[in-house]
Amino acid sequence: MRKQEMIDEIRELIEETARNHNLSTEALTGHNRRKGVIWPRFEIMWRARHELNAPLQLIGQVLGGRDHTTIMHGIKRYENR
């Protein structure tokens, strides 16, 4: 899958998750740390990594410029929930 296609797929995950959790896409890609936003964001990280096999840096880029270690942490938290 090309980089742009993967970016589009991650954005679709963000939109789907926003609808499912009644949140805005801006809330999920922003820097809000409310509990109601964090877990859906972790879900996006996990799904992008496991369903799309997206690189950590790319997931972080699409999710508001987050570092790859932040993405690793979010995936681990989601798995241990």
PDB file of N, CA and C in Angstrom:
ATOM      1  N   MET A   1       0.854  -1.184   0.000  1.00  0.00           N
ATOM      2  CA  MET A   1       0.000   0.000   0.000  1.00  0.00           C
ATOM      3  C   MET A   1       0.896   1.242   0.000  1.00  0.00           C
ATOM      4  N   ARG A   2       0.573   2.187  -0.871  1.00  0.00           N
ATOM      5  CA  ARG A   2       1.319   3.439  -0.931  1.00  0.00           C
ATOM      6  C   ARG A   2       1.091   4.262   0.328  1.00  0.00           C
ATOM      7  N   LYS A   3       2.041   5.160   0.598  1.00  0.00           N
ATOM      8  CA  LYS A   3       1.966   5.995   1.797  1.00  0.00           C
ATOM      9  C   LYS A   3       0.666   6.803   1.838  1.00  0.00           C
ATOM     10  N   GLN A   4       0.301   7.433   0.722  1.00  0.00           N
ATOM     11  CA  GLN A   4      -0.913   8.254   0.704  1.00  0.00           C
ATOM     12  C   GLN A   4      -2.162   7.411   0.931  1.00  0.00           C
ATOM     13  N   GLU A   5      -2.181   6.205   0.392  1.00  0.00           N
ATOM     14  CA  GLU A   5      -3.325   5.307   0.612  1.00  0.00           C
ATOM     15  C   GLU A   5      -3.436   4.950   2.087  1.00  0.00           C
ATOM     16  N   MET A   6      -2.275   4.706   2.725  1.00  0.00           N
ATOM     17  CA  MET A   6      -2.280   4.360   4.144  1.00  0.00           C
ATOM     18  C   MET A   6      -2.750   5.548   4.983  1.00  0.00           C
ATOM     19  N   ILE A   7      -2.321   6.744   4.626  1.00  0.00           N
ATOM     20  CA  ILE A   7      -2.770   7.952   5.327  1.00  0.00           C
ATOM     21  C   ILE A   7      -4.284   8.075   5.209  1.00  0.00           C
ATOM     22  N   ASP A   8      -4.811   7.853   4.015  1.00  0.00           N
ATOM     23  CA  ASP A   8      -6.263   7.919   3.808  1.00  0.00           C
ATOM     24  C   ASP A   8      -6.988   6.872   4.638  1.00  0.00           C
ATOM     25  N   GLU A   9      -6.428   5.669   4.725  1.00  0.00           N
ATOM     26  CA  GLU A   9      -7.043   4.605   5.533  1.00  0.00           C
ATOM     27  C   GLU A   9      -7.046   4.969   7.016  1.00  0.00           C
ATOM     28  N   ILE A  10      -5.957   5.544   7.502  1.00  0.00           N
ATOM     29  CA  ILE A  10      -5.899   5.957   8.906  1.00  0.00           C
ATOM     30  C   ILE A  10      -6.926   7.055   9.162  1.00  0.00           C
ATOM     31  N   ARG A  11      -7.049   7.984   8.235  1.00  0.00           N
ATOM     32  CA  ARG A  11      -8.054   9.053   8.384  1.00  0.00           C
ATOM     33  C   ARG A  11      -9.468   8.477   8.417  1.00  0.00           C
ATOM     34  N   GLU A  12      -9.710   7.439   7.628  1.00  0.00           N
ATOM     35  CA  GLU A  12     -11.020   6.774   7.665  1.00  0.00           C
ATOM     36  C   GLU A  12     -11.252   6.131   9.033  1.00  0.00           C
ATOM     37  N   LEU A  13     -10.206   5.517   9.609  1.00  0.00           N
ATOM     38  CA  LEU A  13     -10.325   4.954  10.964  1.00  0.00           C
ATOM     39  C   LEU A  13     -10.672   6.051  11.966  1.00  0.00           C
ATOM     40  N   ILE A  14     -10.041   7.203  11.827  1.00  0.00           N
ATOM     41  CA  ILE A  14     -10.311   8.326  12.735  1.00  0.00           C
ATOM     42  C   ILE A  14     -11.768   8.754  12.615  1.00  0.00           C
ATOM     43  N   GLU A  15     -12.252   8.900  11.382  1.00  0.00           N
ATOM     44  CA  GLU A  15     -13.646   9.315  11.174  1.00  0.00           C
ATOM     45  C   GLU A  15     -14.625   8.276  11.712  1.00  0.00           C
ATOM     46  N   GLU A  16     -14.356   7.005  11.473  1.00  0.00           N
ATOM     47  CA  GLU A  16     -15.222   5.930  11.966  1.00  0.00           C
ATOM     48  C   GLU A  16     -15.254   5.912  13.492  1.00  0.00           C
ATOM     49  N   THR A  17     -14.087   6.033  14.100  1.00  0.00           N
ATOM     50  CA  THR A  17     -14.003   6.023  15.565  1.00  0.00           C
ATOM     51  C   THR A  17     -14.703   7.248  16.146  1.00  0.00           C
ATOM     52  N   ALA A  18     -14.549   8.389  15.499  1.00  0.00           N
ATOM     53  CA  ALA A  18     -15.224   9.610  15.964  1.00  0.00           C
ATOM     54  C   ALA A  18     -16.739   9.413  15.959  1.00  0.00           C
ATOM     55  N   ARG A  19     -17.258   8.829  14.886  1.00  0.00           N
ATOM     56  CA  ARG A  19     -18.711   8.565  14.813  1.00  0.00           C
ATOM     57  C   ARG A  19     -19.141   7.585  15.908  1.00  0.00           C
ATOM     58  N   ASN A  20     -18.380   6.497  16.076  1.00  0.00           N
ATOM     59  CA  ASN A  20     -18.741   5.460  17.046  1.00  0.00           C
ATOM     60  C   ASN A  20     -18.717   5.956  18.486  1.00  0.00           C
ATOM     61  N   HIS A  21     -17.877   6.937  18.771  1.00  0.00           N
ATOM     62  CA  HIS A  21     -17.739   7.430  20.145  1.00  0.00           C
ATOM     63  C   HIS A  21     -18.332   8.830  20.314  1.00  0.00           C
ATOM     64  N   ASN A  22     -19.032   9.298  19.275  1.00  0.00           N
ATOM     65  CA  ASN A  22     -19.670  10.616  19.319  1.00  0.00           C
ATOM     66  C   ASN A  22     -18.668  11.723  19.671  1.00  0.00           C
ATOM     67  N   LEU A  23     -17.533  11.696  18.967  1.00  0.00           N
ATOM     68  CA  LEU A  23     -16.485  12.697  19.161  1.00  0.00           C
ATOM     69  C   LEU A  23     -16.189  13.356  17.823  1.00  0.00           C
ATOM     70  N   SER A  24     -15.500  14.474  17.878  1.00  0.00           N
ATOM     71  CA  SER A  24     -15.054  15.107  16.635  1.00  0.00           C
ATOM     72  C   SER A  24     -13.693  14.537  16.250  1.00  0.00           C
ATOM     73  N   THR A  25     -13.391  14.590  14.969  1.00  0.00           N
ATOM     74  CA  THR A  25     -12.073  14.137  14.521  1.00  0.00           C
ATOM     75  C   THR A  25     -10.992  15.051  15.095  1.00  0.00           C
ATOM     76  N   GLU A  26     -11.326  16.317  15.299  1.00  0.00           N
ATOM     77  CA  GLU A  26     -10.367  17.256  15.883  1.00  0.00           C
ATOM     78  C   GLU A  26     -10.010  16.857  17.313  1.00  0.00           C
ATOM     79  N   ALA A  27     -10.992  16.367  18.071  1.00  0.00           N
ATOM     80  CA  ALA A  27     -10.720  15.928  19.438  1.00  0.00           C
ATOM     81  C   ALA A  27      -9.757  14.737  19.433  1.00  0.00           C
ATOM     82  N   LEU A  28      -9.929  13.833  18.482  1.00  0.00           N
ATOM     83  CA  LEU A  28      -9.083  12.639  18.429  1.00  0.00           C
ATOM     84  C   LEU A  28      -7.668  12.934  17.936  1.00  0.00           C
ATOM     85  N   THR A  29      -7.511  13.944  17.115  1.00  0.00           N
ATOM     86  CA  THR A  29      -6.184  14.268  16.601  1.00  0.00           C
ATOM     87  C   THR A  29      -5.526  15.401  17.381  1.00  0.00           C
ATOM     88  N   GLY A  30      -6.275  16.037  18.268  1.00  0.00           N
ATOM     89  CA  GLY A  30      -5.748  17.138  19.070  1.00  0.00           C
ATOM     90  C   GLY A  30      -4.984  16.634  20.286  1.00  0.00           C
ATOM     91  N   HIS A  31      -4.732  17.542  21.210  1.00  0.00           N
ATOM     92  CA  HIS A  31      -3.918  17.197  22.378  1.00  0.00           C
ATOM     93  C   HIS A  31      -4.727  17.113  23.668  1.00  0.00           C
ATOM     94  N   ASN A  32      -6.024  16.910  23.534  1.00  0.00           N
ATOM     95  CA  ASN A  32      -6.893  16.736  24.699  1.00  0.00           C
ATOM     96  C   ASN A  32      -6.574  15.406  25.365  1.00  0.00           C
ATOM     97  N   ARG A  33      -6.458  15.402  26.691  1.00  0.00           N
ATOM     98  CA  ARG A  33      -6.139  14.170  27.417  1.00  0.00           C
ATOM     99  C   ARG A  33      -7.294  13.629  28.249  1.00  0.00           C
ATOM    100  N   ARG A  34      -8.496  14.099  27.969  1.00  0.00           N
ATOM    101  CA  ARG A  34      -9.654  13.580  28.706  1.00  0.00           C
ATOM    102  C   ARG A  34      -9.787  12.078  28.480  1.00  0.00           C
ATOM    103  N   LYS A  35     -10.255  11.386  29.511  1.00  0.00           N
ATOM    104  CA  LYS A  35     -10.416   9.938  29.429  1.00  0.00           C
ATOM    105  C   LYS A  35     -11.322   9.533  28.260  1.00  0.00           C
ATOM    106  N   GLY A  36     -12.364  10.316  28.018  1.00  0.00           N
ATOM    107  CA  GLY A  36     -13.302   9.996  26.951  1.00  0.00           C
ATOM    108  C   GLY A  36     -12.706  10.131  25.553  1.00  0.00           C
ATOM    109  N   VAL A  37     -11.549  10.768  25.468  1.00  0.00           N
ATOM    110  CA  VAL A  37     -10.871  10.946  24.178  1.00  0.00           C
ATOM    111  C   VAL A  37      -9.683   9.998  24.059  1.00  0.00           C
ATOM    112  N   ILE A  38      -9.012   9.760  25.174  1.00  0.00           N
ATOM    113  CA  ILE A  38      -7.785   8.961  25.142  1.00  0.00           C
ATOM    114  C   ILE A  38      -8.042   7.531  24.672  1.00  0.00           C
ATOM    115  N   TRP A  39      -9.033   6.852  25.231  1.00  0.00           N
ATOM    116  CA  TRP A  39      -9.248   5.445  24.868  1.00  0.00           C
ATOM    117  C   TRP A  39      -9.650   5.263  23.415  1.00  0.00           C
ATOM    118  N   PRO A  40     -10.532   6.108  22.860  1.00  0.00           N
ATOM    119  CA  PRO A  40     -10.791   5.996  21.422  1.00  0.00           C
ATOM    120  C   PRO A  40      -9.532   6.274  20.580  1.00  0.00           C
ATOM    121  N   ARG A  41      -8.688   7.196  21.039  1.00  0.00           N
ATOM    122  CA  ARG A  41      -7.437   7.476  20.323  1.00  0.00           C
ATOM    123  C   ARG A  41      -6.527   6.251  20.367  1.00  0.00           C
ATOM    124  N   PHE A  42      -6.438   5.606  21.520  1.00  0.00           N
ATOM    125  CA  PHE A  42      -5.650   4.372  21.635  1.00  0.00           C
ATOM    126  C   PHE A  42      -6.203   3.302  20.698  1.00  0.00           C
ATOM    127  N   GLU A  43      -7.521   3.244  20.580  1.00  0.00           N
ATOM    128  CA  GLU A  43      -8.150   2.282  19.668  1.00  0.00           C
ATOM    129  C   GLU A  43      -7.702   2.535  18.224  1.00  0.00           C
ATOM    130  N   ILE A  44      -7.658   3.787  17.823  1.00  0.00           N
ATOM    131  CA  ILE A  44      -7.203   4.126  16.475  1.00  0.00           C
ATOM    132  C   ILE A  44      -5.760   3.673  16.284  1.00  0.00           C
ATOM    133  N   MET A  45      -4.913   3.951  17.277  1.00  0.00           N
ATOM    134  CA  MET A  45      -3.508   3.553  17.186  1.00  0.00           C
ATOM    135  C   MET A  45      -3.392   2.044  16.998  1.00  0.00           C
ATOM    136  N   TRP A  46      -4.129   1.294  17.825  1.00  0.00           N
ATOM    137  CA  TRP A  46      -4.066  -0.166  17.763  1.00  0.00           C
ATOM    138  C   TRP A  46      -4.568  -0.677  16.420  1.00  0.00           C
ATOM    139  N   ARG A  47      -5.713  -0.170  15.984  1.00  0.00           N
ATOM    140  CA  ARG A  47      -6.287  -0.639  14.716  1.00  0.00           C
ATOM    141  C   ARG A  47      -5.399  -0.288  13.532  1.00  0.00           C
ATOM    142  N   ALA A  48      -4.825   0.917  13.533  1.00  0.00           N
ATOM    143  CA  ALA A  48      -3.951   1.319  12.426  1.00  0.00           C
ATOM    144  C   ALA A  48      -2.727   0.410  12.363  1.00  0.00           C
ATOM    145  N   ARG A  49      -2.206   0.054  13.507  1.00  0.00           N
ATOM    146  CA  ARG A  49      -1.013  -0.802  13.543  1.00  0.00           C
ATOM    147  C   ARG A  49      -1.345  -2.242  13.171  1.00  0.00           C
ATOM    148  N   HIS A  50      -2.433  -2.791  13.738  1.00  0.00           N
ATOM    149  CA  HIS A  50      -2.733  -4.209  13.553  1.00  0.00           C
ATOM    150  C   HIS A  50      -3.591  -4.522  12.330  1.00  0.00           C
ATOM    151  N   GLU A  51      -4.457  -3.625  11.946  1.00  0.00           N
ATOM    152  CA  GLU A  51      -5.316  -3.878  10.781  1.00  0.00           C
ATOM    153  C   GLU A  51      -4.678  -3.377   9.482  1.00  0.00           C
ATOM    154  N   LEU A  52      -3.939  -2.273   9.564  1.00  0.00           N
ATOM    155  CA  LEU A  52      -3.344  -1.688   8.363  1.00  0.00           C
ATOM    156  C   LEU A  52      -1.841  -1.929   8.273  1.00  0.00           C
ATOM    157  N   ASN A  53      -1.248  -2.397   9.382  1.00  0.00           N
ATOM    158  CA  ASN A  53       0.200  -2.579   9.469  1.00  0.00           C
ATOM    159  C   ASN A  53       0.932  -1.269   9.146  1.00  0.00           C
ATOM    160  N   ALA A  54       0.368  -0.176   9.626  1.00  0.00           N
ATOM    161  CA  ALA A  54       0.927   1.148   9.376  1.00  0.00           C
ATOM    162  C   ALA A  54       2.156   1.371  10.261  1.00  0.00           C
ATOM    163  N   PRO A  55       3.167   2.056   9.738  1.00  0.00           N
ATOM    164  CA  PRO A  55       4.341   2.391  10.555  1.00  0.00           C
ATOM    165  C   PRO A  55       3.958   3.333  11.694  1.00  0.00           C
ATOM    166  N   LEU A  56       4.636   3.176  12.826  1.00  0.00           N
ATOM    167  CA  LEU A  56       4.340   3.990  14.006  1.00  0.00           C
ATOM    168  C   LEU A  56       4.467   5.484  13.709  1.00  0.00           C
ATOM    169  N   GLN A  57       5.511   5.865  12.972  1.00  0.00           N
ATOM    170  CA  GLN A  57       5.715   7.277  12.662  1.00  0.00           C
ATOM    171  C   GLN A  57       4.570   7.843  11.830  1.00  0.00           C
ATOM    172  N   LEU A  58       4.055   7.059  10.904  1.00  0.00           N
ATOM    173  CA  LEU A  58       2.955   7.522  10.061  1.00  0.00           C
ATOM    174  C   LEU A  58       1.668   7.677  10.873  1.00  0.00           C
ATOM    175  N   ILE A  59       1.414   6.725  11.769  1.00  0.00           N
ATOM    176  CA  ILE A  59       0.236   6.824  12.642  1.00  0.00           C
ATOM    177  C   ILE A  59       0.333   8.108  13.463  1.00  0.00           C
ATOM    178  N   GLY A  60       1.503   8.350  14.041  1.00  0.00           N
ATOM    179  CA  GLY A  60       1.706   9.554  14.835  1.00  0.00           C
ATOM    180  C   GLY A  60       1.531  10.823  14.032  1.00  0.00           C
ATOM    181  N   GLN A  61       2.017  10.807  12.805  1.00  0.00           N
ATOM    182  CA  GLN A  61       1.886  11.970  11.924  1.00  0.00           C
ATOM    183  C   GLN A  61       0.419  12.301  11.675  1.00  0.00           C
ATOM    184  N   VAL A  62      -0.378  11.283  11.367  1.00  0.00           N
ATOM    185  CA  VAL A  62      -1.792  11.499  11.052  1.00  0.00           C
ATOM    186  C   VAL A  62      -2.582  11.862  12.320  1.00  0.00           C
ATOM    187  N   LEU A  63      -2.147  11.353  13.458  1.00  0.00           N
ATOM    188  CA  LEU A  63      -2.840  11.643  14.718  1.00  0.00           C
ATOM    189  C   LEU A  63      -2.298  12.914  15.380  1.00  0.00           C
ATOM    190  N   GLY A  64      -2.013  13.910  14.613  1.00  0.00           N
ATOM    191  CA  GLY A  64      -1.677  15.214  15.172  1.00  0.00           C
ATOM    192  C   GLY A  64      -0.208  15.439  15.452  1.00  0.00           C
ATOM    193  N   GLY A  65       0.667  14.705  14.799  1.00  0.00           N
ATOM    194  CA  GLY A  65       2.100  14.927  14.972  1.00  0.00           C
ATOM    195  C   GLY A  65       2.682  14.304  16.219  1.00  0.00           C
ATOM    196  N   ARG A  66       2.164  13.171  16.611  1.00  0.00           N
ATOM    197  CA  ARG A  66       2.666  12.488  17.797  1.00  0.00           C
ATOM    198  C   ARG A  66       3.925  11.681  17.463  1.00  0.00           C
ATOM    199  N   ASP A  67       4.761  11.511  18.466  1.00  0.00           N
ATOM    200  CA  ASP A  67       5.997  10.749  18.348  1.00  0.00           C
ATOM    201  C   ASP A  67       5.704   9.256  18.273  1.00  0.00           C
ATOM    202  N   HIS A  68       6.592   8.487  17.631  1.00  0.00           N
ATOM    203  CA  HIS A  68       6.358   7.048  17.508  1.00  0.00           C
ATOM    204  C   HIS A  68       6.308   6.351  18.864  1.00  0.00           C
ATOM    205  N   THR A  69       7.040   6.877  19.859  1.00  0.00           N
ATOM    206  CA  THR A  69       6.998   6.249  21.184  1.00  0.00           C
ATOM    207  C   THR A  69       5.642   6.472  21.854  1.00  0.00           C
ATOM    208  N   THR A  70       4.999   7.581  21.558  1.00  0.00           N
ATOM    209  CA  THR A  70       3.651   7.838  22.067  1.00  0.00           C
ATOM    210  C   THR A  70       2.681   6.814  21.484  1.00  0.00           C
ATOM    211  N   ILE A  71       2.855   6.499  20.209  1.00  0.00           N
ATOM    212  CA  ILE A  71       2.000   5.513  19.553  1.00  0.00           C
ATOM    213  C   ILE A  71       2.236   4.136  20.157  1.00  0.00           C
ATOM    214  N   MET A  72       3.501   3.779  20.399  1.00  0.00           N
ATOM    215  CA  MET A  72       3.816   2.482  21.033  1.00  0.00           C
ATOM    216  C   MET A  72       3.145   2.392  22.407  1.00  0.00           C
ATOM    217  N   HIS A  73       3.223   3.459  23.176  1.00  0.00           N
ATOM    218  CA  HIS A  73       2.624   3.495  24.510  1.00  0.00           C
ATOM    219  C   HIS A  73       1.109   3.325  24.417  1.00  0.00           C
ATOM    220  N   GLY A  74       0.477   4.033  23.480  1.00  0.00           N
ATOM    221  CA  GLY A  74      -0.978   3.943  23.319  1.00  0.00           C
ATOM    222  C   GLY A  74      -1.421   2.545  22.934  1.00  0.00           C
ATOM    223  N   ILE A  75      -0.673   1.900  22.054  1.00  0.00           N
ATOM    224  CA  ILE A  75      -1.012   0.540  21.639  1.00  0.00           C
ATOM    225  C   ILE A  75      -0.899  -0.409  22.820  1.00  0.00           C
ATOM    226  N   LYS A  76       0.161  -0.267  23.597  1.00  0.00           N
ATOM    227  CA  LYS A  76       0.360  -1.135  24.775  1.00  0.00           C
ATOM    228  C   LYS A  76      -0.751  -0.920  25.793  1.00  0.00           C
ATOM    229  N   ARG A  77      -1.128   0.326  26.027  1.00  0.00           N
ATOM    230  CA  ARG A  77      -2.215   0.618  26.969  1.00  0.00           C
ATOM    231  C   ARG A  77      -3.529   0.007  26.498  1.00  0.00           C
ATOM    232  N   TYR A  78      -3.793   0.107  25.195  1.00  0.00           N
ATOM    233  CA  TYR A  78      -5.025  -0.441  24.632  1.00  0.00           C
ATOM    234  C   TYR A  78      -5.045  -1.965  24.785  1.00  0.00           C
ATOM    235  N   GLU A  79      -3.921  -2.598  24.542  1.00  0.00           N
ATOM    236  CA  GLU A  79      -3.854  -4.056  24.656  1.00  0.00           C
ATOM    237  C   GLU A  79      -4.004  -4.533  26.094  1.00  0.00           C
ATOM    238  N   ASN A  80      -3.539  -3.723  27.047  1.00  0.00           N
ATOM    239  CA  ASN A  80      -3.586  -4.115  28.459  1.00  0.00           C
ATOM    240  C   ASN A  80      -4.855  -3.676  29.162  1.00  0.00           C
ATOM    241  N   ARG A  81      -5.773  -3.071  28.449  1.00  0.00           N
ATOM    242  CA  ARG A  81      -7.013  -2.563  29.052  1.00  0.00           C
ATOM    243  C   ARG A  81      -7.884  -3.691  29.532  1.00  0.00           C
TER     244      ARG A  81
END
